[in-house]
Amino acid sequence: MREYQQKLLPSNSYHLFSRAVGDEKIFREERNYNYFLKKLGDHSKEVADVYTYSLLPNHFHLVVHIKDFEAIVRHFEIVKKKKFEISGGDISDFIMERFSNFLNSYTKSINKMYKRKGSLFIDYLKRSRVKKNDDLTAFIFYTHKNAVHHGYIAKIGDWKYDAYQSLLSDKPTNLLRNEVLEWFGGRNNFIRFHDQPVDIKRPEWF
């Protein structure tokens, strides 16, 4: 099954990726980044929790954990104003709808703000499921190294628009901070793991 055809299943974790169409930019100025995160929360917080993220000018990475079946069904029934019937639908369709609505809502706002028309994102959300323990480690590290990988910064931790520093901060957060740090064996091990060398990719590649 292709990555964009994978279902988002309750109680599973995923790396999610999308990019802008053509030479467009998802984020044109500072305020766009925070607005994107607000829209993400508005549309997905009832179906998924976020481990981490990285927002680059023309693409983004999210590592998320989908909430359990019961929590999602409760949200389905609030949103749809009807009972969820297992025989009548797939709960993964509703989860995907939440993320699609998030991207569509952000696109509409950007189109209005910059007087543009049409799609902003490619027509699918790439998703890779965590199938084994190493996958979650790899997805989180890949997300945090992405700005270095594309040549925007020299080392992990310097990019303003990823969650690395938020995960190390003591400030309140909606991220799964404790879960991430514990996954790496604590704060010091988390930092040590991210100190490893990062390969630099040509900026025009994605």
N, C-alpha and C. Protein backbone atom coordinates (compact mmCIF):
# COMPACT_ATOMS: atom_id res chain seq x y z
N MET A 1 0.85 -1.20 0.00
CA MET A 1 0.00 0.00 0.00
C MET A 1 0.88 1.25 0.00
N ARG A 2 0.57 2.18 -0.88
CA ARG A 2 1.33 3.41 -0.94
C ARG A 2 1.12 4.22 0.32
N GLU A 3 2.12 5.07 0.63
CA GLU A 3 2.09 5.80 1.89
C GLU A 3 0.89 6.72 2.00
N TYR A 4 0.46 7.31 0.87
CA TYR A 4 -0.68 8.22 0.96
C TYR A 4 -2.00 7.47 1.00
N GLN A 5 -1.97 6.13 0.88
CA GLN A 5 -3.19 5.34 0.98
C GLN A 5 -3.35 4.68 2.35
N GLN A 6 -2.31 4.76 3.18
CA GLN A 6 -2.39 4.16 4.50
C GLN A 6 -3.49 4.82 5.32
N LYS A 7 -4.22 4.02 6.06
CA LYS A 7 -5.24 4.55 6.94
C LYS A 7 -4.61 5.05 8.23
N LEU A 8 -5.18 6.11 8.78
CA LEU A 8 -4.78 6.59 10.10
C LEU A 8 -5.63 5.85 11.12
N LEU A 9 -5.00 4.97 11.87
CA LEU A 9 -5.71 4.08 12.77
C LEU A 9 -5.61 4.53 14.21
N PRO A 10 -6.68 4.39 14.99
CA PRO A 10 -6.63 4.74 16.41
C PRO A 10 -5.48 4.03 17.12
N SER A 11 -4.90 4.72 18.10
CA SER A 11 -3.84 4.18 18.97
C SER A 11 -2.57 3.83 18.21
N ASN A 12 -2.37 4.44 17.04
CA ASN A 12 -1.14 4.26 16.27
C ASN A 12 -0.44 5.60 16.11
N SER A 13 0.86 5.56 15.84
CA SER A 13 1.65 6.77 15.63
C SER A 13 2.12 6.84 14.18
N TYR A 14 2.26 8.08 13.68
CA TYR A 14 2.59 8.29 12.27
C TYR A 14 3.52 9.48 12.08
N HIS A 15 4.30 9.39 11.01
CA HIS A 15 5.01 10.55 10.48
C HIS A 15 4.17 11.05 9.30
N LEU A 16 3.78 12.32 9.34
CA LEU A 16 2.96 12.92 8.29
C LEU A 16 3.78 13.99 7.57
N PHE A 17 3.62 14.05 6.26
CA PHE A 17 4.39 14.99 5.46
C PHE A 17 3.53 15.52 4.32
N SER A 18 3.68 16.80 4.03
CA SER A 18 3.12 17.36 2.80
C SER A 18 3.96 18.56 2.38
N ARG A 19 3.81 18.94 1.13
CA ARG A 19 4.57 20.07 0.61
C ARG A 19 3.67 20.92 -0.28
N ALA A 20 4.14 22.10 -0.56
CA ALA A 20 3.40 23.01 -1.42
C ALA A 20 3.44 22.55 -2.87
N VAL A 21 2.44 22.94 -3.63
CA VAL A 21 2.44 22.64 -5.06
C VAL A 21 3.46 23.52 -5.77
N GLY A 22 4.11 22.96 -6.77
CA GLY A 22 5.03 23.74 -7.60
C GLY A 22 6.06 24.49 -6.79
N ASP A 23 6.22 25.77 -7.10
CA ASP A 23 7.19 26.62 -6.41
C ASP A 23 6.55 27.48 -5.32
N GLU A 24 5.33 27.14 -4.95
CA GLU A 24 4.64 27.90 -3.91
C GLU A 24 5.32 27.72 -2.55
N LYS A 25 4.98 28.62 -1.64
CA LYS A 25 5.43 28.50 -0.26
C LYS A 25 4.23 28.35 0.65
N ILE A 26 4.33 27.47 1.63
CA ILE A 26 3.29 27.31 2.63
C ILE A 26 3.35 28.46 3.63
N PHE A 27 4.59 28.86 3.92
CA PHE A 27 4.82 29.92 4.90
C PHE A 27 5.59 31.05 4.25
N ARG A 28 4.95 32.22 4.17
CA ARG A 28 5.58 33.38 3.52
C ARG A 28 6.18 34.34 4.53
N GLU A 29 5.62 34.34 5.74
CA GLU A 29 6.10 35.27 6.76
C GLU A 29 5.88 34.66 8.14
N GLU A 30 6.43 35.32 9.13
CA GLU A 30 6.45 34.81 10.51
C GLU A 30 5.08 34.36 11.00
N ARG A 31 4.07 35.18 10.80
CA ARG A 31 2.76 34.89 11.37
C ARG A 31 2.14 33.63 10.79
N ASN A 32 2.55 33.23 9.58
CA ASN A 32 1.98 32.03 8.97
C ASN A 32 2.28 30.77 9.77
N TYR A 33 3.47 30.69 10.36
CA TYR A 33 3.87 29.49 11.10
C TYR A 33 2.96 29.25 12.31
N ASN A 34 2.75 30.29 13.10
CA ASN A 34 1.90 30.16 14.27
C ASN A 34 0.45 29.90 13.88
N TYR A 35 0.03 30.50 12.78
CA TYR A 35 -1.34 30.30 12.33
C TYR A 35 -1.55 28.85 11.89
N PHE A 36 -0.56 28.29 11.24
CA PHE A 36 -0.60 26.89 10.81
C PHE A 36 -0.78 25.98 12.03
N LEU A 37 -0.01 26.21 13.08
CA LEU A 37 -0.11 25.39 14.28
C LEU A 37 -1.46 25.57 14.97
N LYS A 38 -1.98 26.79 14.93
CA LYS A 38 -3.31 27.02 15.49
C LYS A 38 -4.36 26.22 14.74
N LYS A 39 -4.29 26.26 13.41
CA LYS A 39 -5.25 25.51 12.60
C LYS A 39 -5.11 24.01 12.85
N LEU A 40 -3.88 23.54 13.00
CA LEU A 40 -3.65 22.12 13.30
C LEU A 40 -4.38 21.75 14.59
N GLY A 41 -4.21 22.57 15.62
CA GLY A 41 -4.88 22.29 16.88
C GLY A 41 -6.38 22.37 16.78
N ASP A 42 -6.87 23.36 16.07
CA ASP A 42 -8.31 23.54 15.93
C ASP A 42 -8.98 22.31 15.34
N HIS A 43 -8.33 21.70 14.37
CA HIS A 43 -8.98 20.62 13.61
C HIS A 43 -8.59 19.21 14.05
N SER A 44 -7.44 19.05 14.68
CA SER A 44 -6.98 17.67 14.93
C SER A 44 -6.79 17.31 16.40
N LYS A 45 -6.86 18.29 17.30
CA LYS A 45 -6.50 17.98 18.70
C LYS A 45 -7.41 16.95 19.35
N GLU A 46 -8.62 16.78 18.85
CA GLU A 46 -9.53 15.80 19.43
C GLU A 46 -9.31 14.39 18.89
N VAL A 47 -8.51 14.27 17.84
CA VAL A 47 -8.25 12.94 17.27
C VAL A 47 -6.78 12.54 17.33
N ALA A 48 -5.88 13.51 17.59
CA ALA A 48 -4.45 13.17 17.59
C ALA A 48 -3.68 14.09 18.53
N ASP A 49 -2.62 13.55 19.10
CA ASP A 49 -1.65 14.32 19.87
C ASP A 49 -0.36 14.42 19.07
N VAL A 50 0.38 15.50 19.28
CA VAL A 50 1.59 15.75 18.49
C VAL A 50 2.84 15.49 19.33
N TYR A 51 3.69 14.61 18.81
CA TYR A 51 5.01 14.41 19.42
C TYR A 51 5.92 15.59 19.08
N THR A 52 5.99 15.90 17.79
CA THR A 52 6.87 16.98 17.35
C THR A 52 6.49 17.41 15.94
N TYR A 53 7.13 18.48 15.47
CA TYR A 53 6.86 18.99 14.13
C TYR A 53 8.07 19.77 13.64
N SER A 54 8.11 19.97 12.33
CA SER A 54 9.06 20.89 11.71
C SER A 54 8.36 21.54 10.52
N LEU A 55 8.41 22.87 10.49
CA LEU A 55 7.75 23.62 9.43
C LEU A 55 8.82 24.33 8.62
N LEU A 56 8.95 23.96 7.35
CA LEU A 56 9.89 24.58 6.42
C LEU A 56 9.09 25.43 5.44
N PRO A 57 9.71 26.39 4.77
CA PRO A 57 8.93 27.29 3.91
C PRO A 57 7.99 26.60 2.93
N ASN A 58 8.41 25.46 2.36
CA ASN A 58 7.55 24.83 1.35
C ASN A 58 7.08 23.42 1.71
N HIS A 59 7.35 22.97 2.95
CA HIS A 59 6.84 21.66 3.36
C HIS A 59 6.82 21.56 4.88
N PHE A 60 6.17 20.51 5.38
CA PHE A 60 6.12 20.32 6.83
C PHE A 60 6.19 18.84 7.18
N HIS A 61 6.62 18.59 8.40
CA HIS A 61 6.65 17.24 8.97
C HIS A 61 5.94 17.28 10.32
N LEU A 62 5.11 16.28 10.57
CA LEU A 62 4.47 16.10 11.87
C LEU A 62 4.68 14.67 12.31
N VAL A 63 4.92 14.46 13.60
CA VAL A 63 4.91 13.11 14.16
C VAL A 63 3.79 13.11 15.20
N VAL A 64 2.80 12.28 14.98
CA VAL A 64 1.58 12.33 15.79
C VAL A 64 1.21 10.95 16.33
N HIS A 65 0.43 10.97 17.38
CA HIS A 65 -0.17 9.74 17.91
C HIS A 65 -1.68 9.89 17.86
N ILE A 66 -2.32 8.99 17.16
CA ILE A 66 -3.78 9.02 17.04
C ILE A 66 -4.41 8.54 18.34
N LYS A 67 -5.41 9.25 18.80
CA LYS A 67 -6.07 8.89 20.05
C LYS A 67 -6.78 7.54 19.94
N ASP A 68 -7.24 7.02 21.07
CA ASP A 68 -7.87 5.71 21.05
C ASP A 68 -9.26 5.77 20.40
N PHE A 69 -9.75 4.62 20.08
CA PHE A 69 -11.01 4.49 19.33
C PHE A 69 -12.16 5.19 20.04
N GLU A 70 -12.28 4.98 21.36
CA GLU A 70 -13.40 5.54 22.10
C GLU A 70 -13.39 7.07 22.07
N ALA A 71 -12.22 7.66 22.21
CA ALA A 71 -12.11 9.13 22.19
C ALA A 71 -12.51 9.69 20.83
N ILE A 72 -12.10 9.01 19.78
CA ILE A 72 -12.42 9.49 18.44
C ILE A 72 -13.91 9.33 18.13
N VAL A 73 -14.47 8.24 18.58
CA VAL A 73 -15.92 8.04 18.38
C VAL A 73 -16.70 9.13 19.10
N ARG A 74 -16.29 9.48 20.31
CA ARG A 74 -16.98 10.56 21.04
C ARG A 74 -16.93 11.86 20.25
N HIS A 75 -15.76 12.15 19.67
CA HIS A 75 -15.64 13.38 18.89
C HIS A 75 -16.46 13.29 17.60
N PHE A 76 -16.45 12.13 16.97
CA PHE A 76 -17.27 11.91 15.77
C PHE A 76 -18.73 12.25 16.06
N GLU A 77 -19.25 11.76 17.17
CA GLU A 77 -20.66 11.94 17.48
C GLU A 77 -20.99 13.38 17.81
N ILE A 78 -20.01 14.13 18.34
CA ILE A 78 -20.22 15.56 18.59
C ILE A 78 -20.23 16.33 17.27
N VAL A 79 -19.26 16.02 16.41
CA VAL A 79 -19.12 16.74 15.14
C VAL A 79 -20.27 16.41 14.18
N LYS A 80 -20.56 15.12 14.06
CA LYS A 80 -21.55 14.66 13.08
C LYS A 80 -22.98 14.68 13.62
N LYS A 81 -23.10 14.83 14.95
CA LYS A 81 -24.42 14.86 15.59
C LYS A 81 -25.23 13.60 15.29
N LYS A 82 -24.53 12.48 15.35
CA LYS A 82 -25.18 11.19 15.17
C LYS A 82 -24.31 10.10 15.78
N LYS A 83 -24.89 8.95 16.02
CA LYS A 83 -24.16 7.83 16.57
C LYS A 83 -23.23 7.23 15.52
N PHE A 84 -22.06 6.80 15.97
CA PHE A 84 -21.15 6.12 15.06
C PHE A 84 -21.54 4.66 14.98
N GLU A 85 -21.79 4.18 13.78
CA GLU A 85 -22.13 2.78 13.54
C GLU A 85 -20.98 2.11 12.81
N ILE A 86 -20.40 1.10 13.43
CA ILE A 86 -19.26 0.41 12.82
C ILE A 86 -19.62 -0.12 11.44
N SER A 87 -20.85 -0.58 11.29
CA SER A 87 -21.28 -1.13 10.00
C SER A 87 -21.46 -0.04 8.95
N GLY A 88 -21.55 1.20 9.39
CA GLY A 88 -21.87 2.27 8.44
C GLY A 88 -20.70 3.14 8.05
N GLY A 89 -19.51 2.86 8.56
CA GLY A 89 -18.38 3.70 8.19
C GLY A 89 -17.09 3.28 8.86
N ASP A 90 -16.01 3.84 8.40
CA ASP A 90 -14.68 3.54 8.89
C ASP A 90 -14.19 4.74 9.69
N ILE A 91 -13.83 4.52 10.95
CA ILE A 91 -13.41 5.63 11.79
C ILE A 91 -12.15 6.29 11.24
N SER A 92 -11.34 5.57 10.49
CA SER A 92 -10.13 6.16 9.90
C SER A 92 -10.47 7.24 8.88
N ASP A 93 -11.63 7.10 8.23
CA ASP A 93 -12.06 8.13 7.29
C ASP A 93 -12.32 9.45 8.02
N PHE A 94 -12.88 9.35 9.20
CA PHE A 94 -13.16 10.54 10.00
C PHE A 94 -11.85 11.19 10.47
N ILE A 95 -10.89 10.36 10.87
CA ILE A 95 -9.59 10.89 11.30
C ILE A 95 -8.93 11.64 10.15
N MET A 96 -8.93 11.03 8.97
CA MET A 96 -8.32 11.67 7.81
C MET A 96 -9.07 12.94 7.43
N GLU A 97 -10.37 12.94 7.62
CA GLU A 97 -11.17 14.14 7.34
C GLU A 97 -10.73 15.31 8.21
N ARG A 98 -10.37 15.04 9.46
CA ARG A 98 -9.92 16.10 10.37
C ARG A 98 -8.64 16.76 9.82
N PHE A 99 -7.71 15.94 9.33
CA PHE A 99 -6.46 16.49 8.79
C PHE A 99 -6.70 17.19 7.45
N SER A 100 -7.58 16.64 6.64
CA SER A 100 -7.91 17.28 5.36
C SER A 100 -8.56 18.64 5.60
N ASN A 101 -9.47 18.70 6.57
CA ASN A 101 -10.11 19.97 6.89
C ASN A 101 -9.09 21.00 7.39
N PHE A 102 -8.12 20.53 8.15
CA PHE A 102 -7.06 21.40 8.63
C PHE A 102 -6.30 22.03 7.47
N LEU A 103 -5.86 21.21 6.51
CA LEU A 103 -5.10 21.72 5.37
C LEU A 103 -5.96 22.61 4.48
N ASN A 104 -7.21 22.22 4.30
CA ASN A 104 -8.11 23.04 3.47
C ASN A 104 -8.39 24.40 4.12
N SER A 105 -8.57 24.39 5.43
CA SER A 105 -8.83 25.63 6.15
C SER A 105 -7.63 26.57 6.07
N TYR A 106 -6.44 26.01 6.24
CA TYR A 106 -5.23 26.84 6.14
C TYR A 106 -5.09 27.40 4.73
N THR A 107 -5.35 26.57 3.73
CA THR A 107 -5.25 27.02 2.35
C THR A 107 -6.21 28.18 2.07
N LYS A 108 -7.45 28.05 2.51
CA LYS A 108 -8.43 29.12 2.29
C LYS A 108 -7.98 30.43 2.93
N SER A 109 -7.39 30.33 4.12
CA SER A 109 -6.93 31.53 4.81
C SER A 109 -5.77 32.18 4.07
N ILE A 110 -4.83 31.36 3.60
CA ILE A 110 -3.68 31.89 2.86
C ILE A 110 -4.14 32.49 1.53
N ASN A 111 -5.06 31.83 0.87
CA ASN A 111 -5.58 32.36 -0.39
C ASN A 111 -6.22 33.73 -0.20
N LYS A 112 -6.98 33.86 0.87
CA LYS A 112 -7.63 35.14 1.16
C LYS A 112 -6.60 36.20 1.54
N MET A 113 -5.63 35.81 2.35
CA MET A 113 -4.63 36.75 2.84
C MET A 113 -3.75 37.31 1.73
N TYR A 114 -3.38 36.43 0.77
CA TYR A 114 -2.43 36.83 -0.28
C TYR A 114 -3.08 36.92 -1.66
N LYS A 115 -4.41 36.88 -1.66
CA LYS A 115 -5.17 37.03 -2.91
C LYS A 115 -4.69 36.04 -3.98
N ARG A 116 -4.58 34.79 -3.58
CA ARG A 116 -4.22 33.73 -4.51
C ARG A 116 -5.41 32.78 -4.67
N LYS A 117 -5.32 31.85 -5.62
CA LYS A 117 -6.39 30.90 -5.87
C LYS A 117 -5.80 29.50 -6.03
N GLY A 118 -6.65 28.51 -5.78
CA GLY A 118 -6.26 27.13 -6.05
C GLY A 118 -5.61 26.43 -4.87
N SER A 119 -5.15 25.22 -5.14
CA SER A 119 -4.54 24.37 -4.11
C SER A 119 -3.22 24.96 -3.63
N LEU A 120 -2.93 24.75 -2.39
CA LEU A 120 -1.64 25.15 -1.82
C LEU A 120 -0.75 23.94 -1.60
N PHE A 121 -1.37 22.80 -1.25
CA PHE A 121 -0.63 21.57 -0.96
C PHE A 121 -0.80 20.57 -2.10
N ILE A 122 0.19 19.67 -2.23
CA ILE A 122 0.02 18.54 -3.14
C ILE A 122 -1.22 17.76 -2.71
N ASP A 123 -1.75 16.94 -3.59
CA ASP A 123 -3.10 16.41 -3.37
C ASP A 123 -3.16 15.18 -2.47
N TYR A 124 -2.13 14.93 -1.67
CA TYR A 124 -2.22 13.85 -0.69
C TYR A 124 -1.33 14.17 0.50
N LEU A 125 -1.67 13.56 1.63
CA LEU A 125 -0.87 13.67 2.84
C LEU A 125 -0.08 12.37 2.99
N LYS A 126 1.22 12.47 2.84
CA LYS A 126 2.06 11.28 2.97
C LYS A 126 2.09 10.84 4.42
N ARG A 127 1.89 9.57 4.69
CA ARG A 127 1.88 9.08 6.05
C ARG A 127 2.61 7.74 6.18
N SER A 128 3.45 7.66 7.20
CA SER A 128 4.22 6.45 7.48
C SER A 128 3.94 6.03 8.91
N ARG A 129 3.49 4.81 9.09
CA ARG A 129 3.11 4.33 10.43
C ARG A 129 4.32 3.81 11.19
N VAL A 130 4.32 4.05 12.48
CA VAL A 130 5.33 3.46 13.36
C VAL A 130 4.99 1.98 13.52
N LYS A 131 5.87 1.14 12.99
CA LYS A 131 5.63 -0.30 13.04
C LYS A 131 6.51 -0.99 14.07
N LYS A 132 7.64 -0.36 14.40
CA LYS A 132 8.54 -0.91 15.40
C LYS A 132 9.16 0.25 16.17
N ASN A 133 9.76 -0.04 17.30
CA ASN A 133 10.27 1.01 18.17
C ASN A 133 11.23 1.96 17.48
N ASP A 134 12.11 1.43 16.65
CA ASP A 134 13.10 2.26 15.97
C ASP A 134 12.45 3.30 15.06
N ASP A 135 11.25 2.99 14.56
CA ASP A 135 10.58 3.92 13.64
C ASP A 135 10.27 5.25 14.33
N LEU A 136 9.78 5.21 15.55
CA LEU A 136 9.43 6.45 16.24
C LEU A 136 10.68 7.29 16.48
N THR A 137 11.75 6.63 16.90
CA THR A 137 13.02 7.34 17.09
C THR A 137 13.46 8.00 15.79
N ALA A 138 13.40 7.24 14.70
CA ALA A 138 13.85 7.74 13.39
C ALA A 138 12.98 8.90 12.92
N PHE A 139 11.67 8.80 13.08
CA PHE A 139 10.77 9.86 12.62
C PHE A 139 10.99 11.16 13.39
N ILE A 140 11.18 11.05 14.71
CA ILE A 140 11.40 12.24 15.52
C ILE A 140 12.73 12.89 15.15
N PHE A 141 13.77 12.09 15.03
CA PHE A 141 15.08 12.64 14.67
C PHE A 141 15.05 13.25 13.27
N TYR A 142 14.43 12.56 12.33
CA TYR A 142 14.35 13.08 10.96
C TYR A 142 13.65 14.44 10.94
N THR A 143 12.59 14.56 11.73
CA THR A 143 11.84 15.82 11.79
C THR A 143 12.71 16.94 12.35
N HIS A 144 13.44 16.66 13.40
CA HIS A 144 14.28 17.69 14.02
C HIS A 144 15.51 18.06 13.19
N LYS A 145 15.99 17.13 12.38
CA LYS A 145 17.19 17.44 11.58
C LYS A 145 16.83 18.05 10.23
N ASN A 146 15.54 18.17 9.94
CA ASN A 146 15.14 18.52 8.58
C ASN A 146 15.64 19.88 8.13
N ALA A 147 15.60 20.88 9.01
CA ALA A 147 16.06 22.22 8.63
C ALA A 147 17.57 22.23 8.38
N VAL A 148 18.32 21.39 9.11
CA VAL A 148 19.76 21.23 8.85
C VAL A 148 19.95 20.52 7.52
N HIS A 149 19.19 19.48 7.33
CA HIS A 149 19.24 18.65 6.12
C HIS A 149 19.08 19.48 4.85
N HIS A 150 18.22 20.51 4.93
CA HIS A 150 17.97 21.36 3.76
C HIS A 150 18.82 22.63 3.75
N GLY A 151 19.72 22.75 4.69
CA GLY A 151 20.68 23.85 4.66
C GLY A 151 20.18 25.16 5.23
N TYR A 152 19.07 25.15 5.99
CA TYR A 152 18.56 26.39 6.57
C TYR A 152 19.34 26.82 7.81
N ILE A 153 19.85 25.84 8.55
CA ILE A 153 20.60 26.11 9.77
C ILE A 153 21.79 25.16 9.83
N ALA A 154 22.70 25.42 10.78
CA ALA A 154 23.91 24.60 10.89
C ALA A 154 23.76 23.43 11.83
N LYS A 155 22.88 23.56 12.85
CA LYS A 155 22.76 22.46 13.81
C LYS A 155 21.34 22.38 14.35
N ILE A 156 20.97 21.18 14.76
CA ILE A 156 19.65 20.94 15.35
C ILE A 156 19.47 21.82 16.58
N GLY A 157 18.31 22.42 16.66
CA GLY A 157 18.00 23.30 17.79
C GLY A 157 17.98 24.76 17.44
N ASP A 158 18.50 25.09 16.25
CA ASP A 158 18.57 26.50 15.83
C ASP A 158 17.39 26.96 14.99
N TRP A 159 16.56 26.02 14.53
CA TRP A 159 15.43 26.38 13.67
C TRP A 159 14.26 26.85 14.53
N LYS A 160 13.74 28.03 14.26
CA LYS A 160 12.66 28.61 15.06
C LYS A 160 11.34 27.86 14.92
N TYR A 161 11.19 27.14 13.81
CA TYR A 161 9.87 26.63 13.47
C TYR A 161 9.79 25.11 13.56
N ASP A 162 10.53 24.53 14.48
CA ASP A 162 10.30 23.13 14.83
C ASP A 162 10.12 23.04 16.34
N ALA A 163 9.84 21.84 16.84
CA ALA A 163 9.47 21.69 18.24
C ALA A 163 10.63 21.29 19.14
N TYR A 164 11.84 21.23 18.61
CA TYR A 164 12.97 20.75 19.41
C TYR A 164 13.12 21.54 20.71
N GLN A 165 13.21 22.86 20.63
CA GLN A 165 13.41 23.65 21.84
C GLN A 165 12.18 23.59 22.76
N SER A 166 11.01 23.48 22.19
CA SER A 166 9.80 23.37 23.02
C SER A 166 9.81 22.08 23.84
N LEU A 167 10.37 21.03 23.27
CA LEU A 167 10.45 19.76 23.99
C LEU A 167 11.44 19.83 25.15
N LEU A 168 12.40 20.73 25.06
CA LEU A 168 13.38 20.90 26.14
C LEU A 168 12.97 21.97 27.14
N SER A 169 11.97 22.75 26.80
CA SER A 169 11.55 23.87 27.64
C SER A 169 10.70 23.40 28.82
N ASP A 170 10.59 24.26 29.82
CA ASP A 170 9.69 24.00 30.94
C ASP A 170 8.35 24.71 30.77
N LYS A 171 8.19 25.44 29.68
CA LYS A 171 6.95 26.17 29.46
C LYS A 171 5.83 25.20 29.11
N PRO A 172 4.59 25.55 29.44
CA PRO A 172 3.45 24.68 29.09
C PRO A 172 3.41 24.40 27.59
N THR A 173 3.00 23.21 27.24
CA THR A 173 2.93 22.82 25.83
C THR A 173 1.84 21.80 25.62
N ASN A 174 1.32 21.75 24.40
CA ASN A 174 0.36 20.72 24.02
C ASN A 174 1.06 19.51 23.41
N LEU A 175 2.37 19.61 23.24
CA LEU A 175 3.13 18.49 22.71
C LEU A 175 3.20 17.34 23.72
N LEU A 176 3.47 16.14 23.22
CA LEU A 176 3.70 14.99 24.11
C LEU A 176 5.15 15.03 24.60
N ARG A 177 5.47 16.10 25.32
CA ARG A 177 6.85 16.35 25.74
C ARG A 177 7.40 15.23 26.62
N ASN A 178 6.69 14.89 27.67
CA ASN A 178 7.18 13.88 28.60
C ASN A 178 7.37 12.54 27.89
N GLU A 179 6.43 12.21 27.01
CA GLU A 179 6.52 10.94 26.29
C GLU A 179 7.76 10.91 25.39
N VAL A 180 8.04 12.03 24.72
CA VAL A 180 9.21 12.08 23.83
C VAL A 180 10.49 11.95 24.63
N LEU A 181 10.63 12.74 25.68
CA LEU A 181 11.87 12.70 26.47
C LEU A 181 12.08 11.34 27.11
N GLU A 182 11.01 10.75 27.62
CA GLU A 182 11.12 9.42 28.20
C GLU A 182 11.48 8.38 27.15
N TRP A 183 10.96 8.57 25.94
CA TRP A 183 11.26 7.63 24.86
C TRP A 183 12.77 7.58 24.57
N PHE A 184 13.42 8.74 24.67
CA PHE A 184 14.86 8.80 24.42
C PHE A 184 15.69 8.52 25.67
N GLY A 185 15.02 8.23 26.78
CA GLY A 185 15.75 7.92 28.00
C GLY A 185 16.08 9.11 28.85
N GLY A 186 15.31 10.20 28.68
CA GLY A 186 15.52 11.39 29.48
C GLY A 186 16.07 12.54 28.66
N ARG A 187 16.04 13.71 29.27
CA ARG A 187 16.43 14.95 28.59
C ARG A 187 17.87 14.91 28.06
N ASN A 188 18.80 14.46 28.88
CA ASN A 188 20.21 14.44 28.47
C ASN A 188 20.44 13.48 27.31
N ASN A 189 19.80 12.33 27.36
CA ASN A 189 19.95 11.37 26.26
C ASN A 189 19.30 11.89 24.98
N PHE A 190 18.19 12.62 25.14
CA PHE A 190 17.53 13.23 23.99
C PHE A 190 18.49 14.21 23.30
N ILE A 191 19.13 15.07 24.09
CA ILE A 191 20.09 16.03 23.53
C ILE A 191 21.27 15.30 22.90
N ARG A 192 21.79 14.30 23.60
CA ARG A 192 22.96 13.56 23.10
C ARG A 192 22.64 12.88 21.76
N PHE A 193 21.46 12.29 21.67
CA PHE A 193 21.08 11.62 20.42
C PHE A 193 21.04 12.62 19.26
N HIS A 194 20.56 13.82 19.52
CA HIS A 194 20.43 14.82 18.47
C HIS A 194 21.75 15.54 18.15
N ASP A 195 22.79 15.21 18.89
CA ASP A 195 24.11 15.80 18.60
C ASP A 195 24.85 15.06 17.49
N GLN A 196 24.27 13.96 17.01
CA GLN A 196 24.95 13.20 15.95
C GLN A 196 24.97 13.99 14.65
N PRO A 197 25.94 13.72 13.78
CA PRO A 197 26.07 14.48 12.52
C PRO A 197 24.82 14.34 11.64
N VAL A 198 24.56 15.39 10.89
CA VAL A 198 23.41 15.41 9.97
C VAL A 198 23.92 15.58 8.55
N ASP A 199 23.41 14.76 7.63
CA ASP A 199 23.78 14.89 6.23
C ASP A 199 23.09 16.12 5.63
N ILE A 200 23.79 16.83 4.78
CA ILE A 200 23.24 18.03 4.15
C ILE A 200 22.76 17.69 2.75
N LYS A 201 21.53 18.04 2.48
CA LYS A 201 20.91 17.75 1.18
C LYS A 201 20.93 19.00 0.33
N ARG A 202 21.00 18.85 -0.98
CA ARG A 202 20.96 20.02 -1.85
C ARG A 202 19.65 20.76 -1.64
N PRO A 203 19.68 22.08 -1.46
CA PRO A 203 18.47 22.85 -1.11
C PRO A 203 17.32 22.69 -2.07
N GLU A 204 17.59 22.42 -3.36
CA GLU A 204 16.48 22.36 -4.32
C GLU A 204 15.76 21.02 -4.29
N TRP A 205 16.28 20.05 -3.54
CA TRP A 205 15.61 18.75 -3.43
C TRP A 205 14.62 18.78 -2.28
N PHE A 206 13.69 17.80 -2.27
CA PHE A 206 12.70 17.72 -1.20
C PHE A 206 12.64 16.31 -0.66
